[in-house]
């Protein structure tokens, strides 16, 4: 499954982080996806295949105009 994500997107993962937050910001794209926890600021680097499996939904697109 291919998911279109961009830098700055806010995503919700299937399992919560130990700090209690489900939401992450995408800060790096490529073969690996870099995400930062919005609860505690922890940075994590995941292979794209793992990221796609753990992704639940995209909460907010970075380029969405409000």
PDB file of N, CA and C in Angstrom:
ATOM      1  N   UNK A   1       0.844  -1.177   0.000  1.00  0.00           N
ATOM      2  CA  UNK A   1       0.000   0.000   0.000  1.00  0.00           C
ATOM      3  C   UNK A   1       0.892   1.243   0.000  1.00  0.00           C
ATOM      4  N   UNK A   2       0.654   2.154  -0.926  1.00  0.00           N
ATOM      5  CA  UNK A   2       1.418   3.387  -1.019  1.00  0.00           C
ATOM      6  C   UNK A   2       0.599   4.529  -0.436  1.00  0.00           C
ATOM      7  N   UNK A   3       1.168   5.256   0.491  1.00  0.00           N
ATOM      8  CA  UNK A   3       0.504   6.388   1.120  1.00  0.00           C
ATOM      9  C   UNK A   3       1.250   7.654   0.733  1.00  0.00           C
ATOM     10  N   UNK A   4       0.536   8.648   0.228  1.00  0.00           N
ATOM     11  CA  UNK A   4       1.145   9.913  -0.153  1.00  0.00           C
ATOM     12  C   UNK A   4       1.279  10.804   1.077  1.00  0.00           C
ATOM     13  N   UNK A   5       2.509  10.991   1.531  1.00  0.00           N
ATOM     14  CA  UNK A   5       2.766  11.876   2.663  1.00  0.00           C
ATOM     15  C   UNK A   5       3.771  12.925   2.237  1.00  0.00           C
ATOM     16  N   UNK A   6       3.725  14.058   2.912  1.00  0.00           N
ATOM     17  CA  UNK A   6       4.626  15.166   2.626  1.00  0.00           C
ATOM     18  C   UNK A   6       5.274  15.629   3.927  1.00  0.00           C
ATOM     19  N   UNK A   7       6.357  16.379   3.787  1.00  0.00           N
ATOM     20  CA  UNK A   7       7.004  16.957   4.966  1.00  0.00           C
ATOM     21  C   UNK A   7       6.021  17.876   5.692  1.00  0.00           C
ATOM     22  N   UNK A   8       5.987  17.777   6.994  1.00  0.00           N
ATOM     23  CA  UNK A   8       5.116  18.629   7.790  1.00  0.00           C
ATOM     24  C   UNK A   8       3.746  18.050   8.058  1.00  0.00           C
ATOM     25  N   UNK A   9       3.397  16.912   7.452  1.00  0.00           N
ATOM     26  CA  UNK A   9       2.107  16.275   7.712  1.00  0.00           C
ATOM     27  C   UNK A   9       2.056  15.793   9.158  1.00  0.00           C
ATOM     28  N   UNK A  10       0.874  15.850   9.748  1.00  0.00           N
ATOM     29  CA  UNK A  10       0.641  15.297  11.082  1.00  0.00           C
ATOM     30  C   UNK A  10      -0.076  13.970  10.877  1.00  0.00           C
ATOM     31  N   UNK A  11       0.505  12.886  11.400  1.00  0.00           N
ATOM     32  CA  UNK A  11      -0.057  11.550  11.209  1.00  0.00           C
ATOM     33  C   UNK A  11      -0.394  10.920  12.555  1.00  0.00           C
ATOM     34  N   UNK A  12      -1.366  10.006  12.519  1.00  0.00           N
ATOM     35  CA  UNK A  12      -1.751   9.245  13.707  1.00  0.00           C
ATOM     36  C   UNK A  12      -1.304   7.805  13.497  1.00  0.00           C
ATOM     37  N   UNK A  13      -0.564   7.270  14.471  1.00  0.00           N
ATOM     38  CA  UNK A  13      -0.079   5.906  14.397  1.00  0.00           C
ATOM     39  C   UNK A  13      -1.037   4.966  15.133  1.00  0.00           C
ATOM     40  N   UNK A  14      -0.922   3.669  14.865  1.00  0.00           N
ATOM     41  CA  UNK A  14      -1.834   2.682  15.459  1.00  0.00           C
ATOM     42  C   UNK A  14      -1.633   2.513  16.973  1.00  0.00           C
ATOM     43  N   UNK A  15      -0.383   2.510  17.414  1.00  0.00           N
ATOM     44  CA  UNK A  15      -0.099   2.371  18.842  1.00  0.00           C
ATOM     45  C   UNK A  15       0.382   3.702  19.392  1.00  0.00           C
ATOM     46  N   UNK A  16       0.042   3.978  20.647  1.00  0.00           N
ATOM     47  CA  UNK A  16       0.491   5.246  21.224  1.00  0.00           C
ATOM     48  C   UNK A  16       1.937   5.147  21.691  1.00  0.00           C
ATOM     49  N   UNK A  17       2.584   6.278  21.703  1.00  0.00           N
ATOM     50  CA  UNK A  17       3.954   6.405  22.195  1.00  0.00           C
ATOM     51  C   UNK A  17       3.917   6.278  23.720  1.00  0.00           C
ATOM     52  N   UNK A  18       4.978   5.842  24.366  1.00  0.00           N
ATOM     53  CA  UNK A  18       4.970   5.729  25.830  1.00  0.00           C
ATOM     54  C   UNK A  18       4.590   7.022  26.561  1.00  0.00           C
ATOM     55  N   UNK A  19       4.765   8.172  25.925  1.00  0.00           N
ATOM     56  CA  UNK A  19       4.367   9.431  26.555  1.00  0.00           C
ATOM     57  C   UNK A  19       2.854   9.629  26.518  1.00  0.00           C
ATOM     58  N   UNK A  20       2.148   8.822  25.708  1.00  0.00           N
ATOM     59  CA  UNK A  20       0.693   8.895  25.644  1.00  0.00           C
ATOM     60  C   UNK A  20       0.153   9.522  24.378  1.00  0.00           C
ATOM     61  N   UNK A  21       1.005  10.034  23.510  1.00  0.00           N
ATOM     62  CA  UNK A  21       0.567  10.695  22.295  1.00  0.00           C
ATOM     63  C   UNK A  21       0.478   9.713  21.121  1.00  0.00           C
ATOM     64  N   UNK A  22      -0.538   9.898  20.274  1.00  0.00           N
ATOM     65  CA  UNK A  22      -0.686   9.110  19.056  1.00  0.00           C
ATOM     66  C   UNK A  22      -0.196   9.878  17.829  1.00  0.00           C
ATOM     67  N   UNK A  23      -0.016  11.187  17.949  1.00  0.00           N
ATOM     68  CA  UNK A  23       0.240  12.032  16.780  1.00  0.00           C
ATOM     69  C   UNK A  23       1.717  12.375  16.630  1.00  0.00           C
ATOM     70  N   UNK A  24       2.152  12.354  15.362  1.00  0.00           N
ATOM     71  CA  UNK A  24       3.544  12.584  14.993  1.00  0.00           C
ATOM     72  C   UNK A  24       3.599  13.534  13.807  1.00  0.00           C
ATOM     73  N   UNK A  25       4.704  14.276  13.686  1.00  0.00           N
ATOM     74  CA  UNK A  25       4.944  15.148  12.535  1.00  0.00           C
ATOM     75  C   UNK A  25       6.033  14.532  11.671  1.00  0.00           C
ATOM     76  N   UNK A  26       5.810  14.503  10.359  1.00  0.00           N
ATOM     77  CA  UNK A  26       6.786  13.958   9.419  1.00  0.00           C
ATOM     78  C   UNK A  26       7.855  15.021   9.160  1.00  0.00           C
ATOM     79  N   UNK A  27       9.132  14.664   9.418  1.00  0.00           N
ATOM     80  CA  UNK A  27      10.232  15.623   9.250  1.00  0.00           C
ATOM     81  C   UNK A  27      11.267  15.154   8.232  1.00  0.00           C
ATOM     82  N   UNK A  28      11.177  13.908   7.757  1.00  0.00           N
ATOM     83  CA  UNK A  28      12.132  13.406   6.778  1.00  0.00           C
ATOM     84  C   UNK A  28      11.453  12.358   5.913  1.00  0.00           C
ATOM     85  N   UNK A  29      11.699  12.433   4.604  1.00  0.00           N
ATOM     86  CA  UNK A  29      11.149  11.455   3.670  1.00  0.00           C
ATOM     87  C   UNK A  29      12.265  10.861   2.837  1.00  0.00           C
ATOM     88  N   UNK A  30      12.067   9.658   2.409  1.00  0.00           N
ATOM     89  CA  UNK A  30      13.038   8.934   1.605  1.00  0.00           C
ATOM     90  C   UNK A  30      12.782   7.454   1.795  1.00  0.00           C
ATOM     91  N   UNK A  31      13.834   6.664   1.751  1.00  0.00           N
ATOM     92  CA  UNK A  31      13.694   5.244   2.043  1.00  0.00           C
ATOM     93  C   UNK A  31      13.234   5.067   3.486  1.00  0.00           C
ATOM     94  N   UNK A  32      13.730   5.930   4.360  1.00  0.00           N
ATOM     95  CA  UNK A  32      13.290   5.973   5.754  1.00  0.00           C
ATOM     96  C   UNK A  32      12.414   7.200   5.951  1.00  0.00           C
ATOM     97  N   UNK A  33      11.510   7.109   6.924  1.00  0.00           N
ATOM     98  CA  UNK A  33      10.635   8.233   7.259  1.00  0.00           C
ATOM     99  C   UNK A  33      10.982   8.682   8.663  1.00  0.00           C
ATOM    100  N   UNK A  34      11.310   9.951   8.809  1.00  0.00           N
ATOM    101  CA  UNK A  34      11.614  10.518  10.118  1.00  0.00           C
ATOM    102  C   UNK A  34      10.376  11.185  10.677  1.00  0.00           C
ATOM    103  N   UNK A  35      10.033  10.853  11.923  1.00  0.00           N
ATOM    104  CA  UNK A  35       8.862  11.455  12.563  1.00  0.00           C
ATOM    105  C   UNK A  35       9.251  11.953  13.950  1.00  0.00           C
ATOM    106  N   UNK A  36       8.527  12.979  14.409  1.00  0.00           N
ATOM    107  CA  UNK A  36       8.761  13.564  15.724  1.00  0.00           C
ATOM    108  C   UNK A  36       7.464  13.492  16.506  1.00  0.00           C
ATOM    109  N   UNK A  37       7.524  12.965  17.723  1.00  0.00           N
ATOM    110  CA  UNK A  37       6.347  12.857  18.584  1.00  0.00           C
ATOM    111  C   UNK A  37       5.895  14.265  18.984  1.00  0.00           C
ATOM    112  N   UNK A  38       4.595  14.522  18.853  1.00  0.00           N
ATOM    113  CA  UNK A  38       4.075  15.831  19.232  1.00  0.00           C
ATOM    114  C   UNK A  38       3.838  15.939  20.729  1.00  0.00           C
ATOM    115  N   UNK A  39       3.944  14.829  21.446  1.00  0.00           N
ATOM    116  CA  UNK A  39       3.769  14.852  22.892  1.00  0.00           C
ATOM    117  C   UNK A  39       5.049  15.200  23.630  1.00  0.00           C
ATOM    118  N   UNK A  40       6.154  14.532  23.250  1.00  0.00           N
ATOM    119  CA  UNK A  40       7.396  14.708  24.007  1.00  0.00           C
ATOM    120  C   UNK A  40       8.575  15.174  23.158  1.00  0.00           C
ATOM    121  N   UNK A  41       8.430  15.169  21.824  1.00  0.00           N
ATOM    122  CA  UNK A  41       9.506  15.644  20.965  1.00  0.00           C
ATOM    123  C   UNK A  41      10.524  14.599  20.556  1.00  0.00           C
ATOM    124  N   UNK A  42      10.291  13.339  20.884  1.00  0.00           N
ATOM    125  CA  UNK A  42      11.214  12.254  20.526  1.00  0.00           C
ATOM    126  C   UNK A  42      11.247  12.073  19.018  1.00  0.00           C
ATOM    127  N   UNK A  43      12.442  11.918  18.453  1.00  0.00           N
ATOM    128  CA  UNK A  43      12.605  11.694  17.019  1.00  0.00           C
ATOM    129  C   UNK A  43      12.803  10.214  16.758  1.00  0.00           C
ATOM    130  N   UNK A  44      12.118   9.685  15.740  1.00  0.00           N
ATOM    131  CA  UNK A  44      12.199   8.272  15.382  1.00  0.00           C
ATOM    132  C   UNK A  44      12.381   8.172  13.879  1.00  0.00           C
ATOM    133  N   UNK A  45      13.219   7.238  13.445  1.00  0.00           N
ATOM    134  CA  UNK A  45      13.454   6.979  12.032  1.00  0.00           C
ATOM    135  C   UNK A  45      12.975   5.562  11.743  1.00  0.00           C
ATOM    136  N   UNK A  46      11.981   5.431  10.841  1.00  0.00           N
ATOM    137  CA  UNK A  46      11.401   4.130  10.502  1.00  0.00           C
ATOM    138  C   UNK A  46      11.590   3.837   9.022  1.00  0.00           C
ATOM    139  N   UNK A  47      11.840   2.576   8.670  1.00  0.00           N
ATOM    140  CA  UNK A  47      11.805   2.211   7.251  1.00  0.00           C
ATOM    141  C   UNK A  47      10.396   2.482   6.711  1.00  0.00           C
ATOM    142  N   UNK A  48      10.296   2.877   5.448  1.00  0.00           N
ATOM    143  CA  UNK A  48       8.996   3.252   4.889  1.00  0.00           C
ATOM    144  C   UNK A  48       7.978   2.120   4.992  1.00  0.00           C
ATOM    145  N   UNK A  49       8.410   0.872   4.804  1.00  0.00           N
ATOM    146  CA  UNK A  49       7.475  -0.257   4.880  1.00  0.00           C
ATOM    147  C   UNK A  49       6.884  -0.379   6.289  1.00  0.00           C
ATOM    148  N   UNK A  50       7.694  -0.196   7.306  1.00  0.00           N
ATOM    149  CA  UNK A  50       7.221  -0.239   8.694  1.00  0.00           C
ATOM    150  C   UNK A  50       6.300   0.938   8.974  1.00  0.00           C
ATOM    151  N   UNK A  51       6.679   2.111   8.493  1.00  0.00           N
ATOM    152  CA  UNK A  51       5.848   3.299   8.677  1.00  0.00           C
ATOM    153  C   UNK A  51       4.459   3.083   8.075  1.00  0.00           C
ATOM    154  N   UNK A  52       4.391   2.537   6.853  1.00  0.00           N
ATOM    155  CA  UNK A  52       3.107   2.297   6.189  1.00  0.00           C
ATOM    156  C   UNK A  52       2.243   1.311   6.971  1.00  0.00           C
ATOM    157  N   UNK A  53       2.852   0.314   7.590  1.00  0.00           N
ATOM    158  CA  UNK A  53       2.097  -0.659   8.386  1.00  0.00           C
ATOM    159  C   UNK A  53       1.557  -0.043   9.667  1.00  0.00           C
ATOM    160  N   UNK A  54       2.320   0.836  10.281  1.00  0.00           N
ATOM    161  CA  UNK A  54       1.936   1.427  11.567  1.00  0.00           C
ATOM    162  C   UNK A  54       1.043   2.654  11.440  1.00  0.00           C
ATOM    163  N   UNK A  55       0.952   3.226  10.252  1.00  0.00           N
ATOM    164  CA  UNK A  55       0.156   4.428  10.028  1.00  0.00           C
ATOM    165  C   UNK A  55      -1.332   4.112  10.102  1.00  0.00           C
ATOM    166  N   UNK A  56      -2.062   4.923  10.847  1.00  0.00           N
ATOM    167  CA  UNK A  56      -3.522   4.759  10.920  1.00  0.00           C
ATOM    168  C   UNK A  56      -4.214   5.766  10.003  1.00  0.00           C
ATOM    169  N   UNK A  57      -3.871   7.039  10.123  1.00  0.00           N
ATOM    170  CA  UNK A  57      -4.483   8.072   9.292  1.00  0.00           C
ATOM    171  C   UNK A  57      -3.616   9.323   9.260  1.00  0.00           C
ATOM    172  N   UNK A  58      -3.891  10.165   8.282  1.00  0.00           N
ATOM    173  CA  UNK A  58      -3.232  11.467   8.215  1.00  0.00           C
ATOM    174  C   UNK A  58      -4.198  12.477   8.833  1.00  0.00           C
ATOM    175  N   UNK A  59      -3.788  13.089   9.920  1.00  0.00           N
ATOM    176  CA  UNK A  59      -4.647  14.024  10.649  1.00  0.00           C
ATOM    177  C   UNK A  59      -4.730  15.355   9.914  1.00  0.00           C
ATOM    178  N   UNK A  60      -3.576  15.867   9.473  1.00  0.00           N
ATOM    179  CA  UNK A  60      -3.533  17.182   8.813  1.00  0.00           C
ATOM    180  C   UNK A  60      -2.430  17.183   7.774  1.00  0.00           C
ATOM    181  N   UNK A  61      -2.768  17.596   6.567  1.00  0.00           N
ATOM    182  CA  UNK A  61      -1.761  17.739   5.514  1.00  0.00           C
ATOM    183  C   UNK A  61      -1.048  19.062   5.696  1.00  0.00           C
ATOM    184  N   UNK A  62       0.234  19.089   5.436  1.00  0.00           N
ATOM    185  CA  UNK A  62       1.030  20.299   5.608  1.00  0.00           C
ATOM    186  C   UNK A  62       0.591  21.401   4.654  1.00  0.00           C
ATOM    187  N   UNK A  63       0.154  21.018   3.444  1.00  0.00           N
ATOM    188  CA  UNK A  63      -0.222  22.030   2.460  1.00  0.00           C
ATOM    189  C   UNK A  63      -1.712  22.343   2.467  1.00  0.00           C
ATOM    190  N   UNK A  64      -2.444  21.873   3.461  1.00  0.00           N
ATOM    191  CA  UNK A  64      -3.892  22.147   3.551  1.00  0.00           C
ATOM    192  C   UNK A  64      -4.103  23.602   3.930  1.00  0.00           C
ATOM    193  N   UNK A  65      -4.944  24.265   3.177  1.00  0.00           N
ATOM    194  CA  UNK A  65      -5.240  25.671   3.467  1.00  0.00           C
ATOM    195  C   UNK A  65      -6.509  25.742   4.293  1.00  0.00           C
ATOM    196  N   UNK A  66      -6.460  26.565   5.330  1.00  0.00           N
ATOM    197  CA  UNK A  66      -7.618  26.683   6.220  1.00  0.00           C
ATOM    198  C   UNK A  66      -8.247  28.040   6.111  1.00  0.00           C
TER     199      UNK A  66
END
